[in-house]
């Protein structure tokens, strides 16, 4: 207990195990001002998706614990957490309706579905976007939907970009090793060992380059279905490609000596408008997705 006096009364700060307050005491030790307690502090401990899994007080003691099913249904609803309004993904939970307010829409964690239609238009490159009520691409282990609009990676949102950087670096290393091994002076000194290194490194570099840089002229690609995206969305995609290029390769298959588009039709439509003549492609064999046989490559308007 600490305090000060004005000669008549003694003002002190009283700390207990749960509260801190200020009281005024007279000379005969009678309290003249009631204690005013500071509100207790509660700390939330969330998982990687933002869901509160544990609450502790200022002393570190556990107040309650919580568990959730993959789509957010609460499993360990302890009495201490009844007043907690933060639920799955750290969003406001209404116990009266059993719904979570995700921002753009309400969400039912028991059904694993949104209660309203997705305000973001579907994209041909993401089949899950055609389900207008699905949560996190139907994969809550890998994705979250932070505002009820669009799924994003829960664990490594930049993993694809980081892997591309790693892949480009690997190509650079292989190429550098191959050029070093190709030097006549080194070959003359080290002989067959360097020759083997040169062959292996050059082959690896070529394979890595082919994997990272395979492209095709967009005008030579054959579509298998027509435009399903709105003109506004297509214009937005065109501007994005003009500014940043095509980040995700088109998926194609070869049939009769020609490349047919399986995924990426709108990127193929937007590329020429953005001034892009060649696009990155990934070649696959049938069956792939809904394309089972060459007959499925027939154009569908």
Protein backbone atom coordinates (compact mmCIF):
# COMPACT_ATOMS: atom_id res chain seq x y z
CA UNK A 1 0.00 0.00 0.00
CA UNK A 2 1.40 3.40 -0.99
CA UNK A 3 -0.03 6.87 -0.46
CA UNK A 4 0.24 10.50 0.66
CA UNK A 5 -1.49 12.81 3.17
CA UNK A 6 -2.80 16.35 3.13
CA UNK A 7 -2.59 16.59 6.94
CA UNK A 8 -6.21 15.64 7.47
CA UNK A 9 -6.79 12.61 5.28
CA UNK A 10 -4.50 9.93 3.95
CA UNK A 11 -4.88 8.96 0.28
CA UNK A 12 -3.58 5.54 -0.57
CA UNK A 13 -3.35 3.18 -3.51
CA UNK A 14 -4.44 -0.30 -2.51
CA UNK A 15 -3.44 -3.35 -4.56
CA UNK A 16 -5.02 -6.73 -4.03
CA UNK A 17 -4.62 -9.91 -6.03
CA UNK A 18 -7.42 -8.90 -8.38
CA UNK A 19 -7.95 -5.13 -8.20
CA UNK A 20 -6.13 -1.83 -7.90
CA UNK A 21 -7.95 1.18 -6.46
CA UNK A 22 -7.60 4.52 -4.68
CA UNK A 23 -9.16 5.23 -1.27
CA UNK A 24 -9.11 8.23 1.07
CA UNK A 25 -8.71 7.57 4.80
CA UNK A 26 -9.19 9.92 7.74
CA UNK A 27 -6.82 10.15 10.70
CA UNK A 28 -8.84 7.57 12.63
CA UNK A 29 -8.47 5.07 9.74
CA UNK A 30 -12.05 5.37 8.57
CA UNK A 31 -12.48 5.29 4.79
CA UNK A 32 -14.20 8.44 3.53
CA UNK A 33 -14.07 7.67 -0.22
CA UNK A 34 -15.01 4.22 -1.50
CA UNK A 35 -12.41 2.28 -3.43
CA UNK A 36 -12.60 2.63 -7.21
CA UNK A 37 -11.36 -0.58 -8.81
CA UNK A 38 -9.75 -0.78 -12.23
CA UNK A 39 -11.45 -3.27 -14.56
CA UNK A 40 -9.72 -6.65 -14.78
CA UNK A 41 -7.57 -7.37 -17.83
CA UNK A 42 -8.24 -10.39 -20.04
CA UNK A 43 -5.72 -11.64 -22.59
CA UNK A 44 -6.86 -13.65 -25.62
CA UNK A 45 -4.57 -16.27 -27.15
CA UNK A 46 -5.52 -17.01 -30.77
CA UNK A 47 -4.58 -19.72 -33.23
CA UNK A 48 -3.15 -18.94 -36.66
CA UNK A 49 -6.60 -18.24 -38.12
CA UNK A 50 -7.42 -15.71 -35.39
CA UNK A 51 -9.78 -17.93 -33.36
CA UNK A 52 -9.46 -17.38 -29.57
CA UNK A 53 -8.31 -20.67 -28.04
CA UNK A 54 -7.47 -19.49 -24.53
CA UNK A 55 -8.09 -16.55 -22.20
CA UNK A 56 -5.93 -15.60 -19.22
CA UNK A 57 -6.11 -12.91 -16.56
CA UNK A 58 -3.43 -10.39 -15.66
CA UNK A 59 -1.63 -12.95 -13.50
CA UNK A 60 -1.50 -15.52 -16.28
CA UNK A 61 -4.17 -17.80 -14.83
CA UNK A 62 -6.37 -19.56 -17.38
CA UNK A 63 -9.95 -18.26 -17.42
CA UNK A 64 -11.30 -20.54 -20.15
CA UNK A 65 -10.28 -22.71 -23.07
CA UNK A 66 -12.00 -23.16 -26.42
CA UNK A 67 -11.84 -25.60 -29.34
CA UNK A 68 -13.45 -25.51 -32.78
CA UNK A 69 -14.37 -27.87 -35.57
CA UNK A 70 -12.69 -27.12 -38.93
CA UNK A 71 -15.49 -24.80 -40.07
CA UNK A 72 -15.77 -23.02 -36.72
CA UNK A 73 -18.36 -24.83 -34.59
CA UNK A 74 -17.42 -24.48 -30.91
CA UNK A 75 -16.57 -27.77 -29.16
CA UNK A 76 -15.37 -26.77 -25.70
CA UNK A 77 -17.84 -24.11 -24.66
CA UNK A 78 -16.90 -23.54 -21.00
CA UNK A 79 -18.96 -21.45 -18.62
CA UNK A 80 -16.22 -18.85 -18.40
CA UNK A 81 -16.40 -18.17 -22.13
CA UNK A 82 -20.16 -17.59 -22.29
CA UNK A 83 -19.70 -13.81 -22.26
CA UNK A 84 -16.98 -13.94 -24.90
CA UNK A 85 -18.27 -12.41 -28.13
CA UNK A 86 -15.19 -13.25 -30.19
CA UNK A 87 -15.56 -16.58 -31.94
CA UNK A 88 -14.20 -18.45 -34.92
CA UNK A 89 -11.52 -16.50 -36.84
CA UNK A 90 -11.75 -13.76 -34.19
CA UNK A 91 -15.11 -12.53 -35.51
CA UNK A 92 -18.10 -11.29 -33.54
CA UNK A 93 -20.30 -14.23 -32.56
CA UNK A 94 -24.00 -13.87 -31.74
CA UNK A 95 -25.08 -16.74 -29.44
CA UNK A 96 -28.75 -15.89 -30.00
CA UNK A 97 -28.59 -16.69 -33.72
CA UNK A 98 -25.47 -18.87 -33.75
CA UNK A 99 -24.01 -16.70 -36.52
CA UNK A 100 -20.67 -14.94 -36.85
CA UNK A 101 -20.40 -11.51 -38.46
CA UNK A 102 -17.50 -11.80 -40.91
CA UNK A 103 -17.72 -8.27 -42.31
CA UNK A 104 -19.47 -8.50 -45.66
CA UNK A 105 -21.75 -11.37 -44.66
CA UNK A 106 -23.01 -13.46 -41.75
CA UNK A 107 -21.59 -16.97 -41.43
CA UNK A 108 -22.98 -20.16 -39.87
CA UNK A 109 -20.06 -22.15 -38.37
CA UNK A 110 -22.24 -25.25 -37.93
CA UNK A 111 -23.22 -25.39 -41.61
CA UNK A 112 -19.86 -24.07 -42.77
CA UNK A 113 -21.67 -21.71 -45.14
CA UNK A 114 -22.30 -17.98 -45.48
CA UNK A 115 -25.86 -16.75 -45.15
CA UNK A 116 -25.57 -14.33 -48.08
CA UNK A 117 -24.30 -14.43 -51.65
CA UNK A 118 -20.60 -13.63 -52.16
CA UNK A 119 -20.31 -9.92 -53.12
CA UNK A 120 -17.16 -10.69 -55.14
CA UNK A 121 -17.74 -12.02 -58.65
CA UNK A 122 -16.68 -15.57 -59.41
CA UNK A 123 -13.46 -16.19 -61.31
CA UNK A 124 -12.92 -18.87 -63.92
CA UNK A 125 -9.53 -19.67 -62.39
CA UNK A 126 -11.10 -20.70 -59.07
CA UNK A 127 -13.83 -23.34 -59.31
CA UNK A 128 -14.75 -22.81 -55.65
CA UNK A 129 -15.85 -19.25 -56.41
CA UNK A 130 -18.84 -20.62 -58.33
CA UNK A 131 -20.31 -21.73 -54.99
CA UNK A 132 -21.58 -18.35 -53.82
CA UNK A 133 -21.96 -19.47 -50.18
CA UNK A 134 -18.79 -21.54 -49.63
CA UNK A 135 -16.32 -20.64 -46.89
CA UNK A 136 -12.57 -20.47 -47.62
CA UNK A 137 -12.63 -22.50 -50.86
CA UNK A 138 -14.13 -25.39 -48.85
CA UNK A 139 -10.70 -25.87 -47.25
CA UNK A 140 -10.57 -24.17 -43.81
CA UNK A 141 -7.26 -25.87 -43.01
CA UNK A 142 -5.48 -23.98 -45.78
CA UNK A 143 -7.54 -20.81 -46.23
CA UNK A 144 -9.44 -18.20 -44.22
CA UNK A 145 -11.98 -15.60 -45.29
CA UNK A 146 -11.12 -12.55 -43.20
CA UNK A 147 -13.93 -10.27 -44.40
CA UNK A 148 -16.52 -12.52 -46.01
CA UNK A 149 -15.40 -11.65 -49.52
CA UNK A 150 -12.50 -13.79 -50.67
CA UNK A 151 -10.39 -16.67 -49.35
CA UNK A 152 -6.73 -16.07 -48.57
CA UNK A 153 -3.98 -18.39 -47.38
CA UNK A 154 -4.09 -18.94 -43.62
CA UNK A 155 -0.57 -20.18 -43.17
CA UNK A 156 1.72 -18.95 -45.93
CA UNK A 157 -0.20 -16.34 -47.99
CA UNK A 158 2.96 -15.49 -49.96
CA UNK A 159 4.14 -19.07 -50.41
CA UNK A 160 3.58 -19.17 -54.19
CA UNK A 161 5.49 -15.94 -54.75
CA UNK A 162 8.30 -17.08 -52.46
CA UNK A 163 8.56 -20.42 -54.25
CA UNK A 164 8.76 -18.63 -57.62
CA UNK A 165 11.63 -16.52 -56.22
CA UNK A 166 13.36 -19.69 -55.01
CA UNK A 167 12.82 -21.38 -58.38
CA UNK A 168 14.28 -18.42 -60.28
CA UNK A 169 17.27 -18.42 -57.95
CA UNK A 170 17.77 -22.13 -58.51
CA UNK A 171 17.83 -21.61 -62.28
CA UNK A 172 20.44 -18.88 -61.82
CA UNK A 173 22.66 -21.14 -59.69
CA UNK A 174 22.45 -24.06 -62.11
CA UNK A 175 23.24 -21.79 -65.05
CA UNK A 176 26.23 -20.30 -63.25
CA UNK A 177 27.59 -23.76 -62.39
CA UNK A 178 27.13 -24.91 -65.98
CA UNK A 179 29.01 -21.90 -67.36
CA UNK A 180 31.86 -22.45 -64.91
CA UNK A 181 32.13 -26.12 -65.82
CA UNK A 182 32.21 -25.24 -69.52
CA UNK A 183 35.50 -23.34 -69.26
CA UNK A 184 38.22 -25.03 -71.34
CA UNK A 185 40.91 -24.25 -68.78
CA UNK A 186 39.00 -25.91 -65.94
CA UNK A 187 38.18 -28.89 -68.13
CA UNK A 188 41.84 -29.32 -69.09
CA UNK A 189 42.93 -29.38 -65.43
CA UNK A 190 40.13 -31.46 -63.88
CA UNK A 191 39.31 -33.68 -66.83
CA UNK A 192 36.40 -36.13 -66.81
CA UNK A 193 35.08 -35.09 -63.40
CA UNK A 194 34.29 -31.59 -64.64
CA UNK A 195 32.93 -33.01 -67.90
CA UNK A 196 30.36 -34.97 -65.90
CA UNK A 197 29.57 -31.88 -63.82
CA UNK A 198 29.15 -29.83 -66.99
CA UNK A 199 26.72 -32.31 -68.54
CA UNK A 200 24.71 -32.76 -65.36
CA UNK A 201 24.58 -29.08 -64.46
CA UNK A 202 23.68 -28.01 -68.00
CA UNK A 203 20.88 -30.59 -68.19
CA UNK A 204 19.55 -29.51 -64.78
CA UNK A 205 19.67 -25.85 -65.76
CA UNK A 206 17.82 -26.51 -69.02
CA UNK A 207 15.17 -28.55 -67.20
CA UNK A 208 14.71 -25.84 -64.57
CA UNK A 209 14.46 -23.14 -67.24
CA UNK A 210 11.91 -25.14 -69.21
CA UNK A 211 9.82 -25.63 -66.07
CA UNK A 212 9.94 -21.98 -65.12
CA UNK A 213 9.72 -20.31 -68.54
CA UNK A 214 7.54 -22.46 -70.84
CA UNK A 215 5.31 -20.14 -72.86
CA UNK A 216 2.97 -20.24 -75.84
CA UNK A 217 1.63 -17.65 -78.27
CA UNK A 218 -1.80 -16.73 -77.02
CA UNK A 219 -3.19 -16.58 -80.57
CA UNK A 220 -2.34 -20.25 -81.10
CA UNK A 221 -4.19 -21.49 -78.02
CA UNK A 222 -7.61 -23.04 -78.64
CA UNK A 223 -10.33 -22.21 -76.07
CA UNK A 224 -12.75 -24.87 -74.89
CA UNK A 225 -15.44 -22.50 -73.60
CA UNK A 226 -16.53 -18.90 -74.03
CA UNK A 227 -16.41 -15.86 -71.75
CA UNK A 228 -18.26 -16.23 -68.45
CA UNK A 229 -16.77 -13.19 -66.72
CA UNK A 230 -18.47 -9.79 -66.78
CA UNK A 231 -16.96 -7.07 -68.97
CA UNK A 232 -16.11 -5.05 -65.86
CA UNK A 233 -14.22 -7.95 -64.30
CA UNK A 234 -12.44 -8.67 -67.59
CA UNK A 235 -11.34 -5.02 -67.86
CA UNK A 236 -9.98 -5.21 -64.31
CA UNK A 237 -8.09 -8.40 -65.19
CA UNK A 238 -6.65 -6.73 -68.30
CA UNK A 239 -5.36 -3.78 -66.27
CA UNK A 240 -3.81 -6.15 -63.75
CA UNK A 241 -2.02 -8.13 -66.48
CA UNK A 242 -0.82 -4.91 -68.12
CA UNK A 243 0.67 -3.78 -64.80
CA UNK A 244 1.99 -7.04 -63.36
CA UNK A 245 1.94 -9.62 -66.16
CA UNK A 246 0.39 -13.08 -65.94
CA UNK A 247 1.45 -14.62 -62.64
CA UNK A 248 -0.41 -17.93 -62.89
CA UNK A 249 0.28 -20.11 -65.98
CA UNK A 250 -2.59 -21.26 -68.17
CA UNK A 251 -3.28 -24.98 -68.01
CA UNK A 252 -3.28 -26.56 -71.49
CA UNK A 253 -3.27 -29.99 -73.08
CA UNK A 254 -1.96 -31.02 -76.49
CA UNK A 255 -4.30 -32.76 -78.91
CA UNK A 256 -3.77 -33.16 -82.64
CA UNK A 257 -0.65 -31.02 -82.48
CA UNK A 258 -2.52 -28.06 -80.99
CA UNK A 259 -2.77 -26.70 -77.45
CA UNK A 260 -6.24 -26.53 -75.91
CA UNK A 261 -6.95 -24.34 -72.87
CA UNK A 262 -8.26 -26.19 -69.83
CA UNK A 263 -7.91 -23.37 -67.31
CA UNK A 264 -7.16 -19.68 -67.88
CA UNK A 265 -9.59 -18.69 -70.64
CA UNK A 266 -10.08 -15.18 -69.30
CA UNK A 267 -6.35 -14.65 -68.93
CA UNK A 268 -6.05 -15.67 -72.59
CA UNK A 269 -8.77 -13.16 -73.52
CA UNK A 270 -7.24 -10.35 -71.46
CA UNK A 271 -3.61 -10.90 -72.53
CA UNK A 272 -3.88 -9.46 -76.09
CA UNK A 273 -5.80 -6.45 -74.75
CA UNK A 274 -2.95 -5.89 -72.31
CA UNK A 275 -0.37 -6.14 -75.10
CA UNK A 276 0.87 -9.59 -74.07
CA UNK A 277 1.54 -11.91 -77.02
CA UNK A 278 2.98 -14.92 -75.17
CA UNK A 279 1.63 -16.40 -71.96
CA UNK A 280 3.09 -18.91 -69.49
CA UNK A 281 1.56 -22.38 -69.79
CA UNK A 282 1.58 -25.65 -67.91
CA UNK A 283 1.01 -28.74 -70.05
CA UNK A 284 -1.00 -31.63 -68.62
CA UNK A 285 -2.38 -34.91 -69.93
CA UNK A 286 -6.02 -35.94 -70.00
CA UNK A 287 -7.93 -36.76 -67.90
CA UNK A 288 -7.72 -33.45 -66.03
CA UNK A 289 -10.59 -32.09 -63.94
CA UNK A 290 -13.82 -32.17 -65.94
CA UNK A 291 -11.88 -32.92 -69.14
CA UNK A 292 -11.82 -36.71 -69.39
CA UNK A 293 -11.32 -37.38 -73.11
CA UNK A 294 -10.48 -35.34 -76.25
CA UNK A 295 -14.22 -35.14 -76.91
CA UNK A 296 -14.48 -32.80 -73.91
CA UNK A 297 -12.24 -30.30 -75.70
CA UNK A 298 -15.10 -29.29 -78.01
CA UNK A 299 -15.82 -25.57 -77.64
CA UNK A 300 -18.76 -24.71 -75.38
CA UNK A 301 -20.14 -21.14 -75.77
